């Protein structure tokens, strides 16, 4: 075999192809409805919502906007990757809003509008 022959490049090309496949195998997107991934996304949503509330209480509008953007990004990922939990969460959010408004109405009624 000559030094620059094409036959000598075949094993090298095969090795490069195998390395490319092995190196990208771990980069695959997580499976949809993976419970651990969904739980991680849900925890991140709760975390960033708490940070957004804290930034709002401190009057930092720039950080509020950044956290709103991050929350929207995470919600979109959660909606796509965990559709069942997303729908359940939206139903629970609506129920929580209903209970909050009922609580406010009851507080106003029983305190005769003082609160």
C-alpha atoms as a PDB file:
ATOM      1  CA  UNK A   1       0.000   0.000   0.000  1.00  0.00           C
ATOM      2  CA  UNK A   2       1.184   3.440  -0.802  1.00  0.00           C
ATOM      3  CA  UNK A   3       1.325   6.117   1.825  1.00  0.00           C
ATOM      4  CA  UNK A   4      -1.484   8.317   0.393  1.00  0.00           C
ATOM      5  CA  UNK A   5      -3.688   5.524  -1.001  1.00  0.00           C
ATOM      6  CA  UNK A   6      -7.469   5.721  -0.591  1.00  0.00           C
ATOM      7  CA  UNK A   7      -7.559   2.281   1.061  1.00  0.00           C
ATOM      8  CA  UNK A   8      -5.588   3.644   3.979  1.00  0.00           C
ATOM      9  CA  UNK A   9      -8.193   6.377   4.573  1.00  0.00           C
ATOM     10  CA  UNK A  10     -11.130   3.925   4.891  1.00  0.00           C
ATOM     11  CA  UNK A  11     -10.371   2.837   8.500  1.00  0.00           C
ATOM     12  CA  UNK A  12      -9.820   6.446   9.514  1.00  0.00           C
ATOM     13  CA  UNK A  13     -13.128   7.518   7.937  1.00  0.00           C
ATOM     14  CA  UNK A  14     -14.909   4.635   9.683  1.00  0.00           C
ATOM     15  CA  UNK A  15     -13.375   5.633  13.016  1.00  0.00           C
ATOM     16  CA  UNK A  16     -14.465   9.252  12.554  1.00  0.00           C
ATOM     17  CA  UNK A  17     -18.015   8.137  11.682  1.00  0.00           C
ATOM     18  CA  UNK A  18     -18.238   5.943  14.797  1.00  0.00           C
ATOM     19  CA  UNK A  19     -16.940   8.754  17.005  1.00  0.00           C
ATOM     20  CA  UNK A  20     -19.501  11.170  15.566  1.00  0.00           C
ATOM     21  CA  UNK A  21     -22.354   8.772  16.272  1.00  0.00           C
ATOM     22  CA  UNK A  22     -21.154   8.029  19.808  1.00  0.00           C
ATOM     23  CA  UNK A  23     -20.571  11.677  20.667  1.00  0.00           C
ATOM     24  CA  UNK A  24     -24.053  12.785  19.527  1.00  0.00           C
ATOM     25  CA  UNK A  25     -25.900   9.867  21.154  1.00  0.00           C
ATOM     26  CA  UNK A  26     -26.038  11.675  24.501  1.00  0.00           C
ATOM     27  CA  UNK A  27     -27.341  14.861  22.923  1.00  0.00           C
ATOM     28  CA  UNK A  28     -30.710  13.410  21.940  1.00  0.00           C
ATOM     29  CA  UNK A  29     -33.732  15.324  23.184  1.00  0.00           C
ATOM     30  CA  UNK A  30     -35.483  13.856  26.220  1.00  0.00           C
ATOM     31  CA  UNK A  31     -38.427  11.609  25.499  1.00  0.00           C
ATOM     32  CA  UNK A  32     -41.825  13.244  25.648  1.00  0.00           C
ATOM     33  CA  UNK A  33     -43.680  12.610  28.914  1.00  0.00           C
ATOM     34  CA  UNK A  34     -40.496  11.601  30.725  1.00  0.00           C
ATOM     35  CA  UNK A  35     -41.661  12.015  34.356  1.00  0.00           C
ATOM     36  CA  UNK A  36     -38.265  13.100  35.666  1.00  0.00           C
ATOM     37  CA  UNK A  37     -37.813  15.701  32.956  1.00  0.00           C
ATOM     38  CA  UNK A  38     -41.373  16.961  33.485  1.00  0.00           C
ATOM     39  CA  UNK A  39     -40.773  17.257  37.228  1.00  0.00           C
ATOM     40  CA  UNK A  40     -37.561  19.178  36.583  1.00  0.00           C
ATOM     41  CA  UNK A  41     -39.369  21.600  34.248  1.00  0.00           C
ATOM     42  CA  UNK A  42     -42.163  22.052  36.806  1.00  0.00           C
ATOM     43  CA  UNK A  43     -39.625  22.795  39.551  1.00  0.00           C
ATOM     44  CA  UNK A  44     -37.885  25.327  37.334  1.00  0.00           C
ATOM     45  CA  UNK A  45     -41.225  27.017  36.618  1.00  0.00           C
ATOM     46  CA  UNK A  46     -41.970  27.302  40.333  1.00  0.00           C
ATOM     47  CA  UNK A  47     -38.454  28.588  41.040  1.00  0.00           C
ATOM     48  CA  UNK A  48     -38.524  31.287  38.368  1.00  0.00           C
ATOM     49  CA  UNK A  49     -42.045  32.332  39.328  1.00  0.00           C
ATOM     50  CA  UNK A  50     -40.819  32.870  42.893  1.00  0.00           C
ATOM     51  CA  UNK A  51     -37.891  34.907  41.598  1.00  0.00           C
ATOM     52  CA  UNK A  52     -40.271  36.962  39.437  1.00  0.00           C
ATOM     53  CA  UNK A  53     -42.512  37.655  42.445  1.00  0.00           C
ATOM     54  CA  UNK A  54     -39.512  38.684  44.525  1.00  0.00           C
ATOM     55  CA  UNK A  55     -38.243  41.019  41.793  1.00  0.00           C
ATOM     56  CA  UNK A  56     -41.728  42.527  41.526  1.00  0.00           C
ATOM     57  CA  UNK A  57     -41.891  43.096  45.278  1.00  0.00           C
ATOM     58  CA  UNK A  58     -38.569  44.915  45.092  1.00  0.00           C
ATOM     59  CA  UNK A  59     -39.759  47.004  42.152  1.00  0.00           C
ATOM     60  CA  UNK A  60     -37.123  45.762  39.701  1.00  0.00           C
ATOM     61  CA  UNK A  61     -38.937  45.937  36.336  1.00  0.00           C
ATOM     62  CA  UNK A  62     -35.941  44.736  34.307  1.00  0.00           C
ATOM     63  CA  UNK A  63     -35.660  41.486  36.248  1.00  0.00           C
ATOM     64  CA  UNK A  64     -39.427  40.998  36.200  1.00  0.00           C
ATOM     65  CA  UNK A  65     -39.327  41.135  32.391  1.00  0.00           C
ATOM     66  CA  UNK A  66     -36.386  38.723  32.222  1.00  0.00           C
ATOM     67  CA  UNK A  67     -38.093  36.240  34.517  1.00  0.00           C
ATOM     68  CA  UNK A  68     -41.343  36.537  32.560  1.00  0.00           C
ATOM     69  CA  UNK A  69     -39.405  35.679  29.402  1.00  0.00           C
ATOM     70  CA  UNK A  70     -37.756  32.687  31.059  1.00  0.00           C
ATOM     71  CA  UNK A  71     -41.102  31.515  32.455  1.00  0.00           C
ATOM     72  CA  UNK A  72     -42.702  31.774  29.001  1.00  0.00           C
ATOM     73  CA  UNK A  73     -39.827  29.755  27.537  1.00  0.00           C
ATOM     74  CA  UNK A  74     -40.164  27.058  30.207  1.00  0.00           C
ATOM     75  CA  UNK A  75     -43.955  26.947  29.823  1.00  0.00           C
ATOM     76  CA  UNK A  76     -43.580  26.427  26.092  1.00  0.00           C
ATOM     77  CA  UNK A  77     -41.138  23.566  26.690  1.00  0.00           C
ATOM     78  CA  UNK A  78     -43.433  22.104  29.356  1.00  0.00           C
ATOM     79  CA  UNK A  79     -46.430  22.380  27.029  1.00  0.00           C
ATOM     80  CA  UNK A  80     -44.597  20.531  24.245  1.00  0.00           C
ATOM     81  CA  UNK A  81     -42.729  17.922  26.283  1.00  0.00           C
ATOM     82  CA  UNK A  82     -45.328  17.191  29.001  1.00  0.00           C
ATOM     83  CA  UNK A  83     -48.782  17.763  27.449  1.00  0.00           C
ATOM     84  CA  UNK A  84     -50.734  15.762  30.043  1.00  0.00           C
ATOM     85  CA  UNK A  85     -49.209  17.535  33.032  1.00  0.00           C
ATOM     86  CA  UNK A  86     -49.550  20.895  31.257  1.00  0.00           C
ATOM     87  CA  UNK A  87     -53.297  20.406  30.810  1.00  0.00           C
ATOM     88  CA  UNK A  88     -53.679  19.259  34.420  1.00  0.00           C
ATOM     89  CA  UNK A  89     -51.706  22.267  35.605  1.00  0.00           C
ATOM     90  CA  UNK A  90     -53.860  24.705  33.647  1.00  0.00           C
ATOM     91  CA  UNK A  91     -56.995  23.195  35.186  1.00  0.00           C
ATOM     92  CA  UNK A  92     -55.493  23.474  38.671  1.00  0.00           C
ATOM     93  CA  UNK A  93     -54.449  27.083  38.010  1.00  0.00           C
ATOM     94  CA  UNK A  94     -58.009  27.951  37.012  1.00  0.00           C
ATOM     95  CA  UNK A  95     -59.333  26.290  40.174  1.00  0.00           C
ATOM     96  CA  UNK A  96     -56.797  28.183  42.307  1.00  0.00           C
ATOM     97  CA  UNK A  97     -57.846  31.499  40.719  1.00  0.00           C
ATOM     98  CA  UNK A  98     -61.501  30.681  41.423  1.00  0.00           C
ATOM     99  CA  UNK A  99     -60.728  29.868  45.063  1.00  0.00           C
ATOM    100  CA  UNK A 100     -58.691  33.082  45.447  1.00  0.00           C
ATOM    101  CA  UNK A 101     -61.506  35.221  44.105  1.00  0.00           C
ATOM    102  CA  UNK A 102     -64.023  33.419  46.340  1.00  0.00           C
ATOM    103  CA  UNK A 103     -61.734  33.990  49.326  1.00  0.00           C
ATOM    104  CA  UNK A 104     -61.441  37.705  48.526  1.00  0.00           C
ATOM    105  CA  UNK A 105     -65.207  37.984  48.205  1.00  0.00           C
ATOM    106  CA  UNK A 106     -65.754  36.174  51.507  1.00  0.00           C
ATOM    107  CA  UNK A 107     -63.182  38.370  53.254  1.00  0.00           C
ATOM    108  CA  UNK A 108     -64.846  41.508  51.957  1.00  0.00           C
ATOM    109  CA  UNK A 109     -68.278  40.209  52.974  1.00  0.00           C
ATOM    110  CA  UNK A 110     -67.374  39.139  56.505  1.00  0.00           C
ATOM    111  CA  UNK A 111     -65.295  42.238  57.258  1.00  0.00           C
ATOM    112  CA  UNK A 112     -67.974  44.512  55.746  1.00  0.00           C
ATOM    113  CA  UNK A 113     -65.558  45.833  53.140  1.00  0.00           C
ATOM    114  CA  UNK A 114     -62.717  46.675  55.538  1.00  0.00           C
ATOM    115  CA  UNK A 115     -60.315  44.381  53.659  1.00  0.00           C
END
